[in-house]
Amino acid sequence: MHHWFRSLVFAGLVWCGHPVMATQGTALDWSDLPDPSAQVFEDPYRELSAEQFDDVLYVVRLRGRLQQDSGSEEERQKWRELLTETEDALAADGIDVDWLLDQREVVTERRRKAGTNGNPQFDGQTITLAGFAIPAPSDPDGRPVAYLVPERGMCSHMPPPPPNQMIRVRLNGDWTPRYFHEPVRLTGTLKIDPTVQNMMVVDGLMPMSATFQLETESVETLETEADRLEWKQRAADRIRAAGNRKTGGARASE
């Protein structure tokens, strides 16, 4: 009876879409990876509307012009009037431009930590995480390497994610990605070990900045039939494009 009940619960979890691990590992989501203590911070720029933010940038540009020895006296007088008008409009909204500009370096550092600091709770832990694998050059010891990102297209047709949303993966040799952004679920030991590696991706040379490194123990490919067909089509398109370059676009029979 108890065995039947456990089987029923297990089937219910699978049906509801809960992750089921082939190997033991703490199931993580990408939102678990950043250091929580670095995510909550005061950022006065977040409170600005788009128009207010543009006005602050306009103040910076006007002040820069006036500090330079350029422009006619008439132009400079116009810039001073525009500067006063913009500063007054911001002050009417309760925005102290000078204080706000003084916060730039502080806010920049807070944002850097929010995007790079890894969650120490999972440092050295065995975890399981699903994402999209990007092939990378092997390590000097011959160990195959890939990068795992949370969304398809990142580092290729989309900007790279923050470093604490990218994982450098040392594969165990049983599997390597066949194409960019192959969907997989990886299990292995996660370490906070920041690295930067320049490598060629679809759109050219890209700095791959990763906060984490994963030593894989097992890989589960999540490739669908649609993924497989898309990959075959892209491979065929590349072969056709290469042939066109060699023949100047002419077909072999012409």
C-alpha atoms as a PDB file:
ATOM      1  CA  MET A   1       0.000   0.000   0.000  1.00  0.00           C
ATOM      2  CA  HIS A   2       2.778   2.408   0.965  1.00  0.00           C
ATOM      3  CA  HIS A   3       4.719   1.533  -2.177  1.00  0.00           C
ATOM      4  CA  TRP A   4       1.628   2.228  -4.302  1.00  0.00           C
ATOM      5  CA  PHE A   5       1.120   5.591  -2.554  1.00  0.00           C
ATOM      6  CA  ARG A   6       4.754   6.672  -3.126  1.00  0.00           C
ATOM      7  CA  SER A   7       4.449   5.725  -6.817  1.00  0.00           C
ATOM      8  CA  LEU A   8       1.275   7.769  -7.131  1.00  0.00           C
ATOM      9  CA  VAL A   9       2.910  10.829  -5.544  1.00  0.00           C
ATOM     10  CA  PHE A  10       5.946  10.460  -7.801  1.00  0.00           C
ATOM     11  CA  ALA A  11       3.710  10.282 -10.899  1.00  0.00           C
ATOM     12  CA  GLY A  12       1.851  13.380  -9.730  1.00  0.00           C
ATOM     13  CA  LEU A  13       5.084  15.336  -9.376  1.00  0.00           C
ATOM     14  CA  VAL A  14       6.154  14.395 -12.889  1.00  0.00           C
ATOM     15  CA  TRP A  15       2.770  15.336 -14.312  1.00  0.00           C
ATOM     16  CA  CYS A  16       2.875  18.717 -12.546  1.00  0.00           C
ATOM     17  CA  GLY A  17       6.256  19.492 -14.098  1.00  0.00           C
ATOM     18  CA  HIS A  18       8.422  19.254 -10.975  1.00  0.00           C
ATOM     19  CA  PRO A  19      12.064  18.406 -11.729  1.00  0.00           C
ATOM     20  CA  VAL A  20      13.005  14.750 -11.284  1.00  0.00           C
ATOM     21  CA  MET A  21      16.722  14.134 -10.890  1.00  0.00           C
ATOM     22  CA  ALA A  22      18.474  11.128 -12.393  1.00  0.00           C
ATOM     23  CA  THR A  23      21.385  11.905 -10.045  1.00  0.00           C
ATOM     24  CA  GLN A  24      21.199  13.492  -6.627  1.00  0.00           C
ATOM     25  CA  GLY A  25      21.693  17.239  -6.621  1.00  0.00           C
ATOM     26  CA  THR A  26      19.992  20.326  -5.248  1.00  0.00           C
ATOM     27  CA  ALA A  27      17.617  21.525  -7.965  1.00  0.00           C
ATOM     28  CA  LEU A  28      18.323  25.200  -8.636  1.00  0.00           C
ATOM     29  CA  ASP A  29      16.738  27.918 -10.686  1.00  0.00           C
ATOM     30  CA  TRP A  30      18.858  30.661 -12.243  1.00  0.00           C
ATOM     31  CA  SER A  31      17.401  33.150  -9.772  1.00  0.00           C
ATOM     32  CA  ASP A  32      19.107  31.169  -6.977  1.00  0.00           C
ATOM     33  CA  LEU A  33      22.625  31.905  -8.270  1.00  0.00           C
ATOM     34  CA  PRO A  34      23.141  35.626  -7.450  1.00  0.00           C
ATOM     35  CA  ASP A  35      24.205  36.548  -3.911  1.00  0.00           C
ATOM     36  CA  PRO A  36      20.930  37.632  -2.216  1.00  0.00           C
ATOM     37  CA  SER A  37      22.743  40.102   0.042  1.00  0.00           C
ATOM     38  CA  ALA A  38      23.965  42.048  -3.026  1.00  0.00           C
ATOM     39  CA  GLN A  39      20.570  42.331  -4.700  1.00  0.00           C
ATOM     40  CA  VAL A  40      18.848  44.792  -2.371  1.00  0.00           C
ATOM     41  CA  PHE A  41      20.461  48.221  -2.395  1.00  0.00           C
ATOM     42  CA  GLU A  42      19.563  51.863  -2.729  1.00  0.00           C
ATOM     43  CA  ASP A  43      19.653  53.051  -6.329  1.00  0.00           C
ATOM     44  CA  PRO A  44      18.290  56.593  -6.717  1.00  0.00           C
ATOM     45  CA  TYR A  45      18.449  56.282 -10.502  1.00  0.00           C
ATOM     46  CA  ARG A  46      15.704  53.637 -10.390  1.00  0.00           C
ATOM     47  CA  GLU A  47      13.280  56.244  -9.076  1.00  0.00           C
ATOM     48  CA  LEU A  48      13.721  58.522 -12.083  1.00  0.00           C
ATOM     49  CA  SER A  49      11.228  58.537 -14.907  1.00  0.00           C
ATOM     50  CA  ALA A  50      12.568  58.231 -18.447  1.00  0.00           C
ATOM     51  CA  GLU A  51      12.116  61.986 -18.944  1.00  0.00           C
ATOM     52  CA  GLN A  52      13.892  62.814 -15.680  1.00  0.00           C
ATOM     53  CA  PHE A  53      16.783  60.521 -16.552  1.00  0.00           C
ATOM     54  CA  ASP A  54      17.123  62.233 -19.950  1.00  0.00           C
ATOM     55  CA  ASP A  55      17.130  65.623 -18.185  1.00  0.00           C
ATOM     56  CA  VAL A  56      19.955  64.503 -15.882  1.00  0.00           C
ATOM     57  CA  LEU A  57      21.997  63.419 -18.906  1.00  0.00           C
ATOM     58  CA  TYR A  58      21.204  66.738 -20.578  1.00  0.00           C
ATOM     59  CA  VAL A  59      22.533  68.595 -17.528  1.00  0.00           C
ATOM     60  CA  VAL A  60      25.776  66.608 -17.741  1.00  0.00           C
ATOM     61  CA  ARG A  61      26.156  67.417 -21.444  1.00  0.00           C
ATOM     62  CA  LEU A  62      25.429  71.145 -20.969  1.00  0.00           C
ATOM     63  CA  ARG A  63      27.851  71.443 -18.063  1.00  0.00           C
ATOM     64  CA  GLY A  64      30.495  69.706 -20.163  1.00  0.00           C
ATOM     65  CA  ARG A  65      30.004  72.168 -23.011  1.00  0.00           C
ATOM     66  CA  LEU A  66      30.275  75.164 -20.688  1.00  0.00           C
ATOM     67  CA  GLN A  67      33.463  73.823 -19.107  1.00  0.00           C
ATOM     68  CA  GLN A  68      35.095  73.704 -22.525  1.00  0.00           C
ATOM     69  CA  ASP A  69      36.364  76.773 -24.287  1.00  0.00           C
ATOM     70  CA  SER A  70      34.091  76.348 -27.280  1.00  0.00           C
ATOM     71  CA  GLY A  71      31.069  77.978 -28.863  1.00  0.00           C
ATOM     72  CA  SER A  72      30.261  81.625 -29.456  1.00  0.00           C
ATOM     73  CA  GLU A  73      29.129  83.871 -26.614  1.00  0.00           C
ATOM     74  CA  GLU A  74      25.605  83.684 -27.966  1.00  0.00           C
ATOM     75  CA  GLU A  75      25.699  79.877 -27.988  1.00  0.00           C
ATOM     76  CA  ARG A  76      27.139  79.751 -24.491  1.00  0.00           C
ATOM     77  CA  GLN A  77      24.452  82.071 -23.188  1.00  0.00           C
ATOM     78  CA  LYS A  78      21.820  79.780 -24.702  1.00  0.00           C
ATOM     79  CA  TRP A  79      23.442  76.748 -23.055  1.00  0.00           C
ATOM     80  CA  ARG A  80      23.415  78.514 -19.661  1.00  0.00           C
ATOM     81  CA  GLU A  81      19.714  79.286 -20.043  1.00  0.00           C
ATOM     82  CA  LEU A  82      18.923  75.699 -20.995  1.00  0.00           C
ATOM     83  CA  LEU A  83      21.001  74.417 -18.075  1.00  0.00           C
ATOM     84  CA  THR A  84      19.179  76.626 -15.582  1.00  0.00           C
ATOM     85  CA  GLU A  85      15.818  75.671 -17.031  1.00  0.00           C
ATOM     86  CA  THR A  86      16.574  71.937 -16.843  1.00  0.00           C
ATOM     87  CA  GLU A  87      18.045  72.105 -13.329  1.00  0.00           C
ATOM     88  CA  ASP A  88      15.004  74.072 -12.116  1.00  0.00           C
ATOM     89  CA  ALA A  89      12.633  71.494 -13.633  1.00  0.00           C
ATOM     90  CA  LEU A  90      14.465  68.688 -11.842  1.00  0.00           C
ATOM     91  CA  ALA A  91      14.550  70.630  -8.564  1.00  0.00           C
ATOM     92  CA  ALA A  92      10.771  71.149  -8.834  1.00  0.00           C
ATOM     93  CA  ASP A  93      10.472  67.337  -8.893  1.00  0.00           C
ATOM     94  CA  GLY A  94      12.605  67.104  -5.744  1.00  0.00           C
ATOM     95  CA  ILE A  95      15.714  65.902  -7.580  1.00  0.00           C
ATOM     96  CA  ASP A  96      19.087  67.175  -6.371  1.00  0.00           C
ATOM     97  CA  VAL A  97      21.217  66.823  -9.493  1.00  0.00           C
ATOM     98  CA  ASP A  98      24.563  67.370  -7.760  1.00  0.00           C
ATOM     99  CA  TRP A  99      23.840  64.750  -5.098  1.00  0.00           C
ATOM    100  CA  LEU A 100      22.580  62.342  -7.765  1.00  0.00           C
ATOM    101  CA  LEU A 101      25.742  62.737  -9.838  1.00  0.00           C
ATOM    102  CA  ASP A 102      27.877  62.187  -6.725  1.00  0.00           C
ATOM    103  CA  GLN A 103      26.191  58.780  -6.333  1.00  0.00           C
ATOM    104  CA  ARG A 104      27.273  57.484  -9.742  1.00  0.00           C
ATOM    105  CA  GLU A 105      30.347  55.553  -8.607  1.00  0.00           C
ATOM    106  CA  VAL A 106      28.571  54.191  -5.531  1.00  0.00           C
ATOM    107  CA  VAL A 107      25.638  52.943  -7.589  1.00  0.00           C
ATOM    108  CA  THR A 108      27.934  51.518 -10.277  1.00  0.00           C
ATOM    109  CA  GLU A 109      29.765  49.437  -7.654  1.00  0.00           C
ATOM    110  CA  ARG A 110      26.485  48.220  -6.139  1.00  0.00           C
ATOM    111  CA  ARG A 111      25.233  47.175  -9.565  1.00  0.00           C
ATOM    112  CA  ARG A 112      28.540  45.424 -10.313  1.00  0.00           C
ATOM    113  CA  LYS A 113      28.262  43.353  -7.149  1.00  0.00           C
ATOM    114  CA  ALA A 114      24.621  42.542  -7.892  1.00  0.00           C
ATOM    115  CA  GLY A 115      25.635  41.158 -11.297  1.00  0.00           C
ATOM    116  CA  THR A 116      28.838  39.348 -10.306  1.00  0.00           C
ATOM    117  CA  ASN A 117      28.573  38.076  -6.728  1.00  0.00           C
ATOM    118  CA  GLY A 118      27.585  34.428  -6.469  1.00  0.00           C
ATOM    119  CA  ASN A 119      25.382  32.881  -3.803  1.00  0.00           C
ATOM    120  CA  PRO A 120      27.784  31.416  -1.207  1.00  0.00           C
ATOM    121  CA  GLN A 121      25.081  28.976  -0.070  1.00  0.00           C
ATOM    122  CA  PHE A 122      25.738  26.784  -3.124  1.00  0.00           C
ATOM    123  CA  ASP A 123      29.529  27.132  -3.317  1.00  0.00           C
ATOM    124  CA  GLY A 124      30.950  23.602  -3.370  1.00  0.00           C
ATOM    125  CA  GLN A 125      27.501  21.974  -3.468  1.00  0.00           C
ATOM    126  CA  THR A 126      26.210  19.339  -5.881  1.00  0.00           C
ATOM    127  CA  ILE A 127      23.442  21.004  -7.872  1.00  0.00           C
ATOM    128  CA  THR A 128      21.200  20.360 -10.864  1.00  0.00           C
ATOM    129  CA  LEU A 129      20.358  23.167 -13.280  1.00  0.00           C
ATOM    130  CA  ALA A 130      18.793  23.371 -16.749  1.00  0.00           C
ATOM    131  CA  GLY A 131      19.935  25.858 -19.397  1.00  0.00           C
ATOM    132  CA  PHE A 132      21.443  26.245 -22.845  1.00  0.00           C
ATOM    133  CA  ALA A 133      24.971  25.012 -23.576  1.00  0.00           C
ATOM    134  CA  ILE A 134      27.469  26.908 -25.727  1.00  0.00           C
ATOM    135  CA  PRO A 135      30.511  24.923 -27.005  1.00  0.00           C
ATOM    136  CA  ALA A 136      33.867  26.351 -25.912  1.00  0.00           C
ATOM    137  CA  PRO A 137      37.561  25.524 -26.461  1.00  0.00           C
ATOM    138  CA  SER A 138      38.849  22.658 -24.310  1.00  0.00           C
ATOM    139  CA  ASP A 139      40.985  23.277 -21.254  1.00  0.00           C
ATOM    140  CA  PRO A 140      44.782  22.785 -21.563  1.00  0.00           C
ATOM    141  CA  ASP A 141      44.394  19.357 -19.920  1.00  0.00           C
ATOM    142  CA  GLY A 142      42.071  18.310 -22.765  1.00  0.00           C
ATOM    143  CA  ARG A 143      38.898  18.470 -20.677  1.00  0.00           C
ATOM    144  CA  PRO A 144      35.927  19.545 -22.852  1.00  0.00           C
ATOM    145  CA  VAL A 145      34.329  22.861 -21.840  1.00  0.00           C
ATOM    146  CA  ALA A 146      31.008  24.585 -22.438  1.00  0.00           C
ATOM    147  CA  TYR A 147      29.153  27.591 -21.060  1.00  0.00           C
ATOM    148  CA  LEU A 148      25.650  27.349 -19.633  1.00  0.00           C
ATOM    149  CA  VAL A 149      23.290  30.341 -19.950  1.00  0.00           C
ATOM    150  CA  PRO A 150      19.640  30.771 -18.913  1.00  0.00           C
ATOM    151  CA  GLU A 151      18.177  31.805 -22.286  1.00  0.00           C
ATOM    152  CA  ARG A 152      18.617  30.664 -25.862  1.00  0.00           C
ATOM    153  CA  GLY A 153      20.505  33.233 -27.948  1.00  0.00           C
ATOM    154  CA  MET A 154      22.564  34.781 -25.144  1.00  0.00           C
ATOM    155  CA  CYS A 155      26.145  35.617 -26.190  1.00  0.00           C
ATOM    156  CA  SER A 156      25.169  35.205 -29.844  1.00  0.00           C
ATOM    157  CA  HIS A 157      22.238  37.252 -31.111  1.00  0.00           C
ATOM    158  CA  MET A 158      21.522  38.583 -27.619  1.00  0.00           C
ATOM    159  CA  PRO A 159      23.871  40.290 -25.120  1.00  0.00           C
ATOM    160  CA  PRO A 160      25.650  38.035 -22.621  1.00  0.00           C
ATOM    161  CA  PRO A 161      24.012  37.636 -19.212  1.00  0.00           C
ATOM    162  CA  PRO A 162      25.568  39.051 -16.014  1.00  0.00           C
ATOM    163  CA  PRO A 163      28.513  36.924 -14.841  1.00  0.00           C
ATOM    164  CA  ASN A 164      26.473  35.382 -12.011  1.00  0.00           C
ATOM    165  CA  GLN A 165      24.037  34.152 -14.665  1.00  0.00           C
ATOM    166  CA  MET A 166      26.713  32.286 -16.633  1.00  0.00           C
ATOM    167  CA  ILE A 167      28.470  29.047 -15.705  1.00  0.00           C
ATOM    168  CA  ARG A 168      31.724  27.732 -17.132  1.00  0.00           C
ATOM    169  CA  VAL A 169      31.217  23.983 -17.388  1.00  0.00           C
ATOM    170  CA  ARG A 170      33.957  21.357 -17.344  1.00  0.00           C
ATOM    171  CA  LEU A 171      32.351  18.320 -18.959  1.00  0.00           C
ATOM    172  CA  ASN A 172      33.120  14.725 -18.025  1.00  0.00           C
ATOM    173  CA  GLY A 173      33.613  13.645 -21.644  1.00  0.00           C
ATOM    174  CA  ASP A 174      30.421  11.587 -21.944  1.00  0.00           C
ATOM    175  CA  TRP A 175      28.703  14.421 -23.813  1.00  0.00           C
ATOM    176  CA  THR A 176      29.599  17.683 -25.533  1.00  0.00           C
ATOM    177  CA  PRO A 177      27.184  20.191 -27.120  1.00  0.00           C
ATOM    178  CA  ARG A 178      26.770  19.713 -30.866  1.00  0.00           C
ATOM    179  CA  TYR A 179      25.513  23.239 -31.534  1.00  0.00           C
ATOM    180  CA  PHE A 180      25.059  26.615 -29.897  1.00  0.00           C
ATOM    181  CA  HIS A 181      22.378  26.783 -27.194  1.00  0.00           C
ATOM    182  CA  GLU A 182      21.668  23.078 -26.998  1.00  0.00           C
ATOM    183  CA  PRO A 183      19.154  22.609 -24.131  1.00  0.00           C
ATOM    184  CA  VAL A 184      20.483  20.443 -21.281  1.00  0.00           C
ATOM    185  CA  ARG A 185      20.108  19.713 -17.582  1.00  0.00           C
ATOM    186  CA  LEU A 186      23.448  19.376 -15.794  1.00  0.00           C
ATOM    187  CA  THR A 187      24.334  17.888 -12.422  1.00  0.00           C
ATOM    188  CA  GLY A 188      27.695  18.482 -10.777  1.00  0.00           C
ATOM    189  CA  THR A 189      29.727  20.400  -8.221  1.00  0.00           C
ATOM    190  CA  LEU A 190      29.233  24.162  -8.408  1.00  0.00           C
ATOM    191  CA  LYS A 191      32.041  26.496  -7.337  1.00  0.00           C
ATOM    192  CA  ILE A 192      32.361  30.261  -7.174  1.00  0.00           C
ATOM    193  CA  ASP A 193      35.410  30.657  -9.399  1.00  0.00           C
ATOM    194  CA  PRO A 194      35.227  33.813 -11.590  1.00  0.00           C
ATOM    195  CA  THR A 195      36.763  33.497 -15.058  1.00  0.00           C
ATOM    196  CA  VAL A 196      36.894  35.522 -18.273  1.00  0.00           C
ATOM    197  CA  GLN A 197      37.621  33.887 -21.631  1.00  0.00           C
ATOM    198  CA  ASN A 198      37.485  35.515 -25.055  1.00  0.00           C
ATOM    199  CA  MET A 199      36.075  33.130 -27.648  1.00  0.00           C
ATOM    200  CA  MET A 200      34.424  33.184 -31.048  1.00  0.00           C
ATOM    201  CA  VAL A 201      30.647  32.843 -31.057  1.00  0.00           C
ATOM    202  CA  VAL A 202      28.045  33.420 -33.761  1.00  0.00           C
ATOM    203  CA  ASP A 203      28.457  37.205 -33.899  1.00  0.00           C
ATOM    204  CA  GLY A 204      32.244  37.316 -33.408  1.00  0.00           C
ATOM    205  CA  LEU A 205      34.686  37.528 -30.492  1.00  0.00           C
ATOM    206  CA  MET A 206      32.891  37.618 -27.135  1.00  0.00           C
ATOM    207  CA  PRO A 207      34.277  37.913 -23.568  1.00  0.00           C
ATOM    208  CA  MET A 208      32.657  35.079 -21.614  1.00  0.00           C
ATOM    209  CA  SER A 209      32.589  36.292 -17.994  1.00  0.00           C
ATOM    210  CA  ALA A 210      31.366  33.613 -15.600  1.00  0.00           C
ATOM    211  CA  THR A 211      31.147  33.766 -11.809  1.00  0.00           C
ATOM    212  CA  PHE A 212      30.716  29.999 -11.479  1.00  0.00           C
ATOM    213  CA  GLN A 213      32.394  26.815 -12.619  1.00  0.00           C
ATOM    214  CA  LEU A 214      30.625  23.450 -12.710  1.00  0.00           C
ATOM    215  CA  GLU A 215      32.360  20.075 -12.644  1.00  0.00           C
ATOM    216  CA  THR A 216      29.763  17.857 -14.303  1.00  0.00           C
ATOM    217  CA  GLU A 217      28.780  14.443 -13.071  1.00  0.00           C
ATOM    218  CA  SER A 218      25.871  13.820 -15.424  1.00  0.00           C
ATOM    219  CA  VAL A 219      24.171  15.446 -18.402  1.00  0.00           C
ATOM    220  CA  GLU A 220      20.573  15.119 -19.508  1.00  0.00           C
ATOM    221  CA  THR A 221      19.877  16.474 -22.966  1.00  0.00           C
ATOM    222  CA  LEU A 222      16.538  18.261 -23.328  1.00  0.00           C
ATOM    223  CA  GLU A 223      16.668  18.521 -27.101  1.00  0.00           C
ATOM    224  CA  THR A 224      13.292  18.338 -28.845  1.00  0.00           C
ATOM    225  CA  GLU A 225      12.530  17.270 -32.383  1.00  0.00           C
ATOM    226  CA  ALA A 226      12.077  20.957 -33.279  1.00  0.00           C
ATOM    227  CA  ASP A 227      15.563  21.723 -31.890  1.00  0.00           C
ATOM    228  CA  ARG A 228      17.028  18.893 -33.947  1.00  0.00           C
ATOM    229  CA  LEU A 229      15.349  20.042 -37.162  1.00  0.00           C
ATOM    230  CA  GLU A 230      16.412  23.648 -36.595  1.00  0.00           C
ATOM    231  CA  TRP A 231      20.018  22.571 -36.004  1.00  0.00           C
ATOM    232  CA  LYS A 232      20.041  20.441 -39.186  1.00  0.00           C
ATOM    233  CA  GLN A 233      18.590  23.339 -41.186  1.00  0.00           C
ATOM    234  CA  ARG A 234      21.241  25.753 -39.883  1.00  0.00           C
ATOM    235  CA  ALA A 235      23.990  23.255 -40.714  1.00  0.00           C
ATOM    236  CA  ALA A 236      22.594  22.864 -44.240  1.00  0.00           C
ATOM    237  CA  ASP A 237      22.410  26.647 -44.637  1.00  0.00           C
ATOM    238  CA  ARG A 238      26.068  27.003 -43.574  1.00  0.00           C
ATOM    239  CA  ILE A 239      27.175  24.337 -46.075  1.00  0.00           C
ATOM    240  CA  ARG A 240      25.147  25.987 -48.835  1.00  0.00           C
ATOM    241  CA  ALA A 241      26.577  29.424 -47.992  1.00  0.00           C
ATOM    242  CA  ALA A 242      30.122  28.034 -48.066  1.00  0.00           C
ATOM    243  CA  GLY A 243      29.469  26.497 -51.479  1.00  0.00           C
ATOM    244  CA  ASN A 244      28.098  29.776 -52.785  1.00  0.00           C
ATOM    245  CA  ARG A 245      31.215  31.629 -51.623  1.00  0.00           C
ATOM    246  CA  LYS A 246      33.461  29.176 -53.471  1.00  0.00           C
ATOM    247  CA  THR A 247      31.479  29.326 -56.717  1.00  0.00           C
ATOM    248  CA  GLY A 248      30.565  32.991 -56.579  1.00  0.00           C
ATOM    249  CA  GLY A 249      26.919  32.069 -56.154  1.00  0.00           C
ATOM    250  CA  ALA A 250      26.760  29.921 -59.313  1.00  0.00           C
ATOM    251  CA  ARG A 251      25.401  26.392 -59.149  1.00  0.00           C
ATOM    252  CA  ALA A 252      27.706  23.519 -60.056  1.00  0.00           C
ATOM    253  CA  SER A 253      25.693  22.718 -63.198  1.00  0.00           C
ATOM    254  CA  GLU A 254      26.067  26.245 -64.619  1.00  0.00           C
END
